[in-house]
Amino acid sequence: MGNFQLSIHLFLQFAIILAACRLVGWLVRPFGQPQVVAEMITGVLLGPSLFGLLAPELHARIFPKESLSVIYCLAQIGLVLYMFLIGLEFDLELIRKRLRSALAVSWAGILAPFALGAFLAWALQNRFPLFAPNVKLWEAMLFTGSAMSITAFPMLARIIHERGLAGTSLGTLALAAGSLDDAAAWCLLAVVLASFSGKMGIAVLAIGGGALYGIFMFTAGRKLLARLYAYLFSRPSRDSLILPVTLVLLMLSAWLTDSIGVYAVFGAFLLGAAMPRGALQQRMETQMGPLTTVYLLPMFFINSGLNTSITLLGSPSMMLVAAIVLMAAIAGKGIACGVAARLAGEPARDAVAIGALMNARGLMELILLNIGYERGVITQTLFTVMVIMAVVTTLMAVPFFNRVYGREGRPEDASAPAAT
């Protein structure tokens, strides 16, 4: 397929992707699921798990191998823009206000699922084709543990924002714990990839460099950005430069963190979190938000779905493995975080709600799995198992949250029946 034919084909391909995402979103909305969950489901449905299984020839025509690199590139751009927007909504003061409880929930959300994931890797590595042949046992244990420990931080932030809980006790604790969890999980992944490449210095650079960059962005970087945008806002003639300057800074930040091994999404998030608030925040959300969430971000879920094949789990033994991974994920994350929140003194309903939110893996899990799959650490079989786990735990989050905390984000009266 030539470049000209490919470009024409891509327009039809993208139209099908966007229409399918909206259709599935309309179907799951009555169940209280957000659009991002619909896009996760759509990615699996359009991949070899359903569309490719029912109509393999048509699937191959609509999603030829030549087009997958384009979808992948759009997915990366969408991720960077989306994580920047998530960073814009992040408030560092929230962590400081609830640091004690956040640490308790975060430690529970890291240690319990990590231990279960590492144990599963130890028990299953030599029995099933889950890891590449050259992956060491401890590398498999670290990767699986970190994958089980991840939290759907962007989705968690969106639920809290939509429910008006951003400044509440529950919202503060969940955001703080989720951010700490994901930071730890990505550090573990950096160690795995560094060992896999045979260069442990990569891990030191990733963790040390990432920490230094984060400190810089929240100290001197924040002040420099405030001065820069104050200058740009000072005269109407400079107004047209605000968006281009922001995009240049965003691409540079993503490139820098990707270069040191922390990955582009964290550079984007750190830049967003360090940006001045107020008029600039509103403008960026208005100018970047719709195109990012409606057009670019769905490409990431489709890219993940095209690598997910449920047919790989056709044997009873592999289906049992998938079920065990799912149960371990729920126990290690949802139950452990809920218990930790309760032991830290949180009200019972808040503790259950926090466990439900922390149990979701969502977008961040898919990012981690894609990196592991692309680097040759895990096989397509484990990729599929973990994607199913991510989809199911993410599907559980909103219904469980609504049941204990109410659809409008307000705790229900103790005498009233829980919302479903």
Protein backbone atom coordinates (compact mmCIF):
# COMPACT_ATOMS: atom_id res chain seq x y z
CA MET A 1 0.00 0.00 0.00
CA GLY A 2 1.52 3.31 -1.17
CA ASN A 3 1.65 6.44 0.95
CA PHE A 4 -1.17 8.10 -0.98
CA GLN A 5 -3.44 5.06 -0.71
CA LEU A 6 -2.54 4.69 2.96
CA SER A 7 -3.46 8.29 3.72
CA ILE A 8 -6.86 7.85 2.08
CA HIS A 9 -7.40 4.58 3.94
CA LEU A 10 -6.53 6.19 7.29
CA PHE A 11 -9.40 8.67 7.03
CA LEU A 12 -11.91 5.82 6.75
CA GLN A 13 -10.12 3.92 9.50
CA PHE A 14 -10.25 6.86 11.91
CA ALA A 15 -13.90 7.50 11.12
CA ILE A 16 -14.73 3.90 12.06
CA ILE A 17 -12.70 4.16 15.27
CA LEU A 18 -14.34 7.40 16.42
CA ALA A 19 -17.85 6.24 15.54
CA ALA A 20 -17.34 2.92 17.36
CA CYS A 21 -16.03 4.69 20.47
CA ARG A 22 -19.09 6.94 20.62
CA LEU A 23 -21.48 4.05 19.98
CA VAL A 24 -20.00 1.98 22.78
CA GLY A 25 -20.00 5.08 25.00
CA TRP A 26 -23.73 5.49 24.37
CA LEU A 27 -24.31 1.82 25.21
CA VAL A 28 -22.40 1.86 28.52
CA ARG A 29 -23.61 5.26 29.73
CA PRO A 30 -26.77 3.83 31.38
CA PHE A 31 -24.45 1.69 33.52
CA GLY A 32 -22.67 4.78 34.84
CA GLN A 33 -19.46 4.19 32.88
CA PRO A 34 -17.43 7.18 31.63
CA GLN A 35 -16.37 7.57 28.00
CA VAL A 36 -12.79 6.52 28.76
CA VAL A 37 -14.07 3.07 29.83
CA ALA A 38 -16.06 2.83 26.60
CA GLU A 39 -12.88 3.51 24.64
CA MET A 40 -11.04 0.73 26.49
CA ILE A 41 -13.84 -1.69 25.58
CA THR A 42 -13.93 -0.45 21.97
CA GLY A 43 -10.21 -1.09 21.60
CA VAL A 44 -10.69 -4.75 22.55
CA LEU A 45 -13.80 -5.13 20.37
CA LEU A 46 -12.10 -3.72 17.26
CA GLY A 47 -9.03 -5.91 17.74
CA PRO A 48 -8.56 -9.61 16.97
CA SER A 49 -10.60 -10.55 20.06
CA LEU A 50 -13.95 -9.86 18.34
CA PHE A 51 -13.82 -8.02 15.00
CA GLY A 52 -10.76 -9.95 13.84
CA LEU A 53 -12.34 -13.20 15.00
CA LEU A 54 -15.73 -12.67 13.31
CA ALA A 55 -14.47 -11.08 10.08
CA PRO A 56 -10.70 -11.66 9.75
CA GLU A 57 -10.46 -10.57 6.10
CA LEU A 58 -12.40 -7.35 6.65
CA HIS A 59 -10.42 -6.67 9.82
CA ALA A 60 -7.15 -7.06 7.90
CA ARG A 61 -8.40 -4.64 5.23
CA ILE A 62 -9.49 -1.97 7.70
CA PHE A 63 -6.47 -2.35 9.98
CA PRO A 64 -3.57 -3.30 7.67
CA LYS A 65 -0.14 -3.60 9.27
CA GLU A 66 1.07 -0.56 7.34
CA SER A 67 -1.37 1.67 9.24
CA LEU A 68 -0.53 0.49 12.76
CA SER A 69 2.53 2.73 13.03
CA VAL A 70 0.37 5.77 12.29
CA ILE A 71 -2.14 4.78 14.97
CA TYR A 72 0.75 4.25 17.38
CA CYS A 73 2.18 7.73 16.73
CA LEU A 74 -1.21 9.40 17.15
CA ALA A 75 -1.67 7.41 20.35
CA GLN A 76 1.58 8.76 21.79
CA ILE A 77 0.66 12.35 20.93
CA GLY A 78 -2.79 11.87 22.45
CA LEU A 79 -1.28 10.44 25.65
CA VAL A 80 1.12 13.34 26.06
CA LEU A 81 -1.60 15.95 25.54
CA TYR A 82 -4.01 14.14 27.85
CA MET A 83 -1.49 13.75 30.67
CA PHE A 84 -0.66 17.44 30.35
CA LEU A 85 -4.35 18.27 30.83
CA ILE A 86 -4.49 15.92 33.84
CA GLY A 87 -1.48 17.73 35.28
CA LEU A 88 -3.27 21.05 34.91
CA GLU A 89 -5.95 19.77 37.28
CA PHE A 90 -3.50 18.39 39.83
CA ASP A 91 -2.97 20.33 43.05
CA LEU A 92 0.17 19.49 45.05
CA GLU A 93 -1.41 21.01 48.15
CA LEU A 94 -3.85 18.10 48.23
CA ILE A 95 -1.04 15.69 49.06
CA ARG A 96 0.29 17.88 51.85
CA LYS A 97 -3.13 18.11 53.49
CA ARG A 98 -3.63 14.34 53.74
CA LEU A 99 -0.09 13.00 53.67
CA ARG A 100 -0.48 10.53 56.57
CA SER A 101 -3.54 8.76 55.22
CA ALA A 102 -2.25 9.00 51.66
CA LEU A 103 0.97 7.23 52.63
CA ALA A 104 -0.96 4.46 54.40
CA VAL A 105 -3.24 3.85 51.41
CA SER A 106 -0.38 4.21 48.96
CA TRP A 107 1.87 1.73 50.76
CA ALA A 108 -0.99 -0.77 50.95
CA GLY A 109 -1.73 -0.18 47.27
CA ILE A 110 1.89 -0.87 46.36
CA LEU A 111 3.03 -3.65 48.69
CA ALA A 112 -0.02 -5.93 48.59
CA PRO A 113 -0.52 -6.07 44.79
CA PHE A 114 3.23 -6.12 44.22
CA ALA A 115 3.65 -9.14 46.49
CA LEU A 116 0.75 -10.96 44.83
CA GLY A 117 1.97 -10.09 41.33
CA ALA A 118 5.53 -11.17 42.10
CA PHE A 119 4.28 -14.45 43.55
CA LEU A 120 2.15 -15.13 40.47
CA ALA A 121 5.12 -14.48 38.18
CA TRP A 122 7.25 -16.86 40.27
CA ALA A 123 4.57 -19.56 40.15
CA LEU A 124 3.61 -19.20 36.48
CA GLN A 125 6.71 -18.18 34.52
CA ASN A 126 7.89 -21.70 33.70
CA ARG A 127 4.40 -23.12 33.23
CA PHE A 128 2.86 -20.73 30.70
CA PRO A 129 4.18 -18.59 27.81
CA LEU A 130 3.85 -15.27 29.63
CA PHE A 131 7.35 -13.81 29.36
CA ALA A 132 10.04 -13.71 26.69
CA PRO A 133 12.54 -16.61 26.99
CA ASN A 134 15.43 -14.33 27.99
CA VAL A 135 13.54 -12.63 30.85
CA LYS A 136 15.03 -13.51 34.25
CA LEU A 137 12.74 -14.66 37.07
CA TRP A 138 13.30 -11.57 39.19
CA GLU A 139 12.64 -9.34 36.18
CA ALA A 140 9.35 -11.14 35.58
CA MET A 141 8.45 -10.75 39.26
CA LEU A 142 9.27 -7.02 39.26
CA PHE A 143 7.33 -6.35 36.07
CA THR A 144 4.22 -8.25 37.16
CA GLY A 145 4.34 -6.67 40.60
CA SER A 146 4.59 -3.16 39.18
CA ALA A 147 1.81 -3.88 36.67
CA MET A 148 -0.49 -5.03 39.47
CA SER A 149 0.38 -1.95 41.55
CA ILE A 150 -0.59 0.68 38.98
CA THR A 151 -3.64 2.93 39.45
CA ALA A 152 -5.80 4.58 36.79
CA PHE A 153 -4.72 8.03 37.94
CA PRO A 154 -6.20 9.99 34.98
CA MET A 155 -9.55 8.21 35.36
CA LEU A 156 -9.45 8.64 39.14
CA ALA A 157 -8.84 12.37 38.66
CA ARG A 158 -11.69 12.63 36.16
CA ILE A 159 -14.20 10.85 38.42
CA ILE A 160 -13.26 13.06 41.36
CA HIS A 161 -13.49 16.19 39.22
CA GLU A 162 -16.85 15.23 37.70
CA ARG A 163 -18.30 14.46 41.13
CA GLY A 164 -17.13 17.80 42.56
CA LEU A 165 -14.87 16.06 45.09
CA ALA A 166 -11.57 17.74 44.20
CA GLY A 167 -11.28 19.64 47.46
CA THR A 168 -12.93 17.09 49.74
CA SER A 169 -11.35 14.63 52.14
CA LEU A 170 -12.10 11.69 49.84
CA GLY A 171 -10.89 13.40 46.67
CA THR A 172 -7.71 14.66 48.30
CA LEU A 173 -6.80 11.25 49.72
CA ALA A 174 -7.53 9.32 46.52
CA LEU A 175 -5.55 11.70 44.29
CA ALA A 176 -2.59 11.78 46.65
CA ALA A 177 -2.46 8.00 47.10
CA GLY A 178 -2.95 7.34 43.39
CA SER A 179 -0.12 9.66 42.38
CA LEU A 180 2.29 8.12 44.90
CA ASP A 181 1.35 4.60 43.78
CA ASP A 182 1.98 5.30 40.13
CA ALA A 183 5.31 7.00 40.81
CA ALA A 184 6.53 3.89 42.67
CA ALA A 185 5.24 1.51 39.96
CA TRP A 186 7.03 3.44 37.21
CA CYS A 187 10.28 3.39 39.18
CA LEU A 188 10.01 -0.40 39.40
CA LEU A 189 9.38 -0.61 35.67
CA ALA A 190 12.50 1.48 35.05
CA VAL A 191 14.55 -1.09 36.99
CA VAL A 192 13.06 -3.97 34.96
CA LEU A 193 13.75 -2.34 31.60
CA ALA A 194 17.23 -1.29 32.67
CA SER A 195 18.08 -4.86 33.68
CA PHE A 196 16.51 -6.24 30.50
CA SER A 197 18.74 -3.99 28.39
CA GLY A 198 21.78 -4.95 30.47
CA LYS A 199 22.42 -1.35 31.55
CA MET A 200 21.50 -0.71 35.19
CA GLY A 201 22.72 2.85 34.78
CA ILE A 202 19.51 3.43 32.86
CA ALA A 203 17.51 2.77 36.03
CA VAL A 204 19.66 5.15 38.05
CA LEU A 205 19.25 7.82 35.37
CA ALA A 206 15.50 7.23 35.14
CA ILE A 207 14.80 7.34 38.88
CA GLY A 208 17.39 9.98 39.81
CA GLY A 209 16.83 12.11 36.74
CA GLY A 210 13.07 11.87 37.05
CA ALA A 211 13.19 12.91 40.71
CA LEU A 212 15.47 15.86 39.95
CA TYR A 213 13.28 16.97 37.07
CA GLY A 214 10.18 16.76 39.25
CA ILE A 215 11.84 18.82 42.00
CA PHE A 216 12.97 21.39 39.44
CA MET A 217 9.52 21.70 37.88
CA PHE A 218 7.80 22.24 41.24
CA THR A 219 10.37 24.82 42.42
CA ALA A 220 12.33 26.91 39.94
CA GLY A 221 10.35 25.63 36.95
CA ARG A 222 7.06 26.81 38.40
CA LYS A 223 8.47 30.31 38.97
CA LEU A 224 9.96 30.50 35.48
CA LEU A 225 6.67 29.40 33.91
CA ALA A 226 4.76 31.99 35.93
CA ARG A 227 7.06 34.74 34.66
CA LEU A 228 6.92 33.50 31.08
CA TYR A 229 3.14 33.45 30.92
CA ALA A 230 2.81 36.73 32.77
CA TYR A 231 4.95 38.21 29.99
CA LEU A 232 2.85 36.58 27.25
CA PHE A 233 -0.42 37.71 28.85
CA SER A 234 0.81 41.28 29.39
CA ARG A 235 0.13 42.42 25.81
CA PRO A 236 -2.58 41.41 23.31
CA SER A 237 0.04 41.16 20.54
CA ARG A 238 1.61 38.20 22.34
CA ASP A 239 -1.66 36.38 22.88
CA SER A 240 -1.28 34.26 19.75
CA LEU A 241 2.02 32.88 21.07
CA ILE A 242 0.53 31.25 24.17
CA LEU A 243 -0.61 28.01 22.55
CA PRO A 244 2.49 27.49 20.34
CA VAL A 245 4.84 28.19 23.26
CA THR A 246 2.91 25.75 25.45
CA LEU A 247 3.08 23.01 22.82
CA VAL A 248 6.82 23.54 22.33
CA LEU A 249 7.41 23.28 26.10
CA LEU A 250 5.18 20.21 26.24
CA MET A 251 7.05 18.40 23.49
CA LEU A 252 10.42 19.27 25.05
CA SER A 253 9.32 18.08 28.49
CA ALA A 254 7.97 14.84 27.04
CA TRP A 255 11.17 14.33 25.03
CA LEU A 256 13.39 14.95 28.06
CA THR A 257 11.67 12.47 30.38
CA ASP A 258 11.40 9.92 27.59
CA SER A 259 15.13 10.28 26.92
CA ILE A 260 16.07 9.53 30.53
CA GLY A 261 13.72 6.52 30.68
CA VAL A 262 10.84 7.94 32.74
CA TYR A 263 8.66 8.14 29.61
CA ALA A 264 6.98 11.00 27.90
CA VAL A 265 3.70 10.89 29.84
CA PHE A 266 5.42 11.93 33.06
CA GLY A 267 7.14 14.91 31.48
CA ALA A 268 3.76 16.01 30.18
CA PHE A 269 2.12 15.53 33.58
CA LEU A 270 4.86 17.40 35.46
CA LEU A 271 4.68 20.35 33.07
CA GLY A 272 0.91 20.54 33.45
CA ALA A 273 1.14 20.38 37.25
CA ALA A 274 3.73 23.18 37.31
CA MET A 275 1.81 25.52 34.97
CA PRO A 276 0.18 28.71 36.32
CA ARG A 277 -3.50 28.31 37.11
CA GLY A 278 -6.41 30.61 36.33
CA ALA A 279 -6.82 32.01 32.82
CA LEU A 280 -4.03 29.91 31.31
CA GLN A 281 -5.45 26.67 32.69
CA GLN A 282 -8.91 27.45 31.31
CA ARG A 283 -7.52 28.38 27.91
CA MET A 284 -5.45 25.20 27.57
CA GLU A 285 -8.37 23.01 28.58
CA THR A 286 -10.60 24.80 26.05
CA GLN A 287 -8.10 24.70 23.19
CA MET A 288 -6.56 21.25 23.73
CA GLY A 289 -9.24 19.30 25.56
CA PRO A 290 -11.80 18.43 22.87
CA LEU A 291 -9.34 17.35 20.17
CA THR A 292 -7.31 15.34 22.66
CA THR A 293 -10.12 13.43 24.37
CA VAL A 294 -12.40 12.98 21.35
CA TYR A 295 -9.89 12.28 18.58
CA LEU A 296 -6.37 11.45 19.75
CA LEU A 297 -6.80 9.54 23.01
CA PRO A 298 -9.11 6.86 21.51
CA MET A 299 -6.23 5.93 19.19
CA PHE A 300 -4.28 4.68 22.19
CA PHE A 301 -7.05 2.31 23.24
CA ILE A 302 -7.39 1.04 19.69
CA ASN A 303 -3.63 0.48 19.51
CA SER A 304 -3.81 -1.57 22.72
CA GLY A 305 -6.87 -3.47 21.50
CA LEU A 306 -5.15 -4.46 18.28
CA ASN A 307 -2.51 -6.24 20.41
CA THR A 308 -5.11 -8.00 22.56
CA SER A 309 -6.33 -11.43 21.46
CA ILE A 310 -8.69 -13.25 23.80
CA THR A 311 -8.35 -16.35 21.63
CA LEU A 312 -4.92 -16.82 23.24
CA LEU A 313 -6.81 -17.70 26.43
CA GLY A 314 -8.76 -20.50 24.75
CA SER A 315 -7.48 -23.28 26.97
CA PRO A 316 -9.08 -23.85 30.41
CA SER A 317 -5.67 -23.47 32.07
CA MET A 318 -5.11 -20.00 30.56
CA MET A 319 -8.64 -18.93 31.48
CA LEU A 320 -7.86 -20.03 35.03
CA VAL A 321 -4.67 -17.95 34.97
CA ALA A 322 -6.66 -14.90 33.83
CA ALA A 323 -9.20 -15.45 36.63
CA ILE A 324 -6.45 -15.82 39.25
CA VAL A 325 -4.73 -12.63 38.05
CA LEU A 326 -8.04 -10.76 38.24
CA MET A 327 -8.81 -11.95 41.77
CA ALA A 328 -5.29 -11.13 42.93
CA ALA A 329 -5.58 -7.66 41.41
CA ILE A 330 -8.85 -6.95 43.22
CA ALA A 331 -7.61 -8.32 46.54
CA GLY A 332 -4.23 -6.63 46.36
CA LYS A 333 -5.48 -3.21 45.33
CA GLY A 334 -9.15 -2.63 46.07
CA ILE A 335 -9.45 -4.53 49.32
CA ALA A 336 -5.99 -3.63 50.63
CA CYS A 337 -6.42 0.10 49.98
CA GLY A 338 -9.89 0.13 51.51
CA VAL A 339 -8.64 -1.61 54.67
CA ALA A 340 -5.63 0.72 54.91
CA ALA A 341 -7.87 3.79 54.59
CA ARG A 342 -10.14 2.48 57.34
CA LEU A 343 -7.19 1.71 59.63
CA ALA A 344 -5.88 5.24 58.99
CA GLY A 345 -9.10 6.61 60.48
CA GLU A 346 -11.18 7.29 57.38
CA PRO A 347 -14.98 6.81 57.58
CA ALA A 348 -16.19 3.38 56.43
CA ARG A 349 -17.89 4.69 53.28
CA ASP A 350 -14.88 6.77 52.31
CA ALA A 351 -12.65 3.73 52.80
CA VAL A 352 -14.79 1.56 50.51
CA ALA A 353 -14.99 4.34 47.91
CA ILE A 354 -11.22 4.80 47.98
CA GLY A 355 -10.71 1.06 47.53
CA ALA A 356 -13.04 1.09 44.51
CA LEU A 357 -11.21 4.01 42.88
CA MET A 358 -7.72 2.69 43.60
CA ASN A 359 -8.63 -0.73 42.16
CA ALA A 360 -9.13 0.70 38.67
CA ARG A 361 -6.10 0.32 36.37
CA GLY A 362 -7.36 1.99 33.21
CA LEU A 363 -5.11 4.07 30.99
CA MET A 364 -1.93 3.86 33.09
CA GLU A 365 -2.01 0.06 33.10
CA LEU A 366 -2.30 0.00 29.33
CA ILE A 367 0.64 2.38 28.98
CA LEU A 368 2.81 0.15 31.16
CA LEU A 369 1.72 -3.02 29.34
CA ASN A 370 2.39 -1.50 25.94
CA ILE A 371 5.90 -0.55 27.01
CA GLY A 372 6.57 -4.06 28.33
CA TYR A 373 5.19 -5.64 25.15
CA GLU A 374 7.09 -3.32 22.80
CA ARG A 375 10.36 -3.92 24.68
CA GLY A 376 9.88 -7.68 24.43
CA VAL A 377 9.53 -8.32 28.16
CA ILE A 378 6.07 -9.94 28.02
CA THR A 379 4.33 -12.06 25.40
CA GLN A 380 1.02 -11.28 23.72
CA THR A 381 -0.58 -13.87 26.02
CA LEU A 382 0.32 -12.02 29.23
CA PHE A 383 -0.49 -8.74 27.51
CA THR A 384 -4.00 -10.05 26.85
CA VAL A 385 -4.41 -11.37 30.40
CA MET A 386 -3.40 -8.05 31.90
CA VAL A 387 -5.54 -6.00 29.50
CA ILE A 388 -8.59 -8.05 30.52
CA MET A 389 -7.71 -7.43 34.17
CA ALA A 390 -7.35 -3.70 33.48
CA VAL A 391 -10.70 -3.50 31.69
CA VAL A 392 -12.61 -5.46 34.35
CA THR A 393 -11.15 -3.60 37.34
CA THR A 394 -11.81 -0.28 35.60
CA LEU A 395 -15.38 -1.32 34.82
CA MET A 396 -15.89 -2.07 38.51
CA ALA A 397 -14.74 1.34 39.75
CA VAL A 398 -17.67 3.63 38.94
CA PRO A 399 -20.53 1.23 39.92
CA PHE A 400 -18.87 0.45 43.26
CA PHE A 401 -18.13 4.11 43.87
CA ASN A 402 -21.73 5.09 43.04
CA ARG A 403 -23.09 2.36 45.28
CA VAL A 404 -21.34 3.57 48.41
CA TYR A 405 -20.95 7.28 47.71
CA GLY A 406 -23.89 8.25 45.54
CA ARG A 407 -24.08 9.18 41.87
CA GLU A 408 -23.75 12.88 42.61
CA GLY A 409 -20.62 12.46 44.68
CA ARG A 410 -22.29 13.09 48.05
CA PRO A 411 -22.42 10.48 50.80
CA GLU A 412 -25.89 9.06 51.00
CA ASP A 413 -27.96 9.12 54.12
CA ALA A 414 -27.21 6.06 56.23
CA SER A 415 -30.89 5.16 56.25
CA ALA A 416 -31.25 5.41 52.48
CA PRO A 417 -30.60 2.47 50.19
CA ALA A 418 -27.31 2.60 48.32
CA ALA A 419 -27.43 3.76 44.72
CA THR A 420 -26.83 1.17 42.07
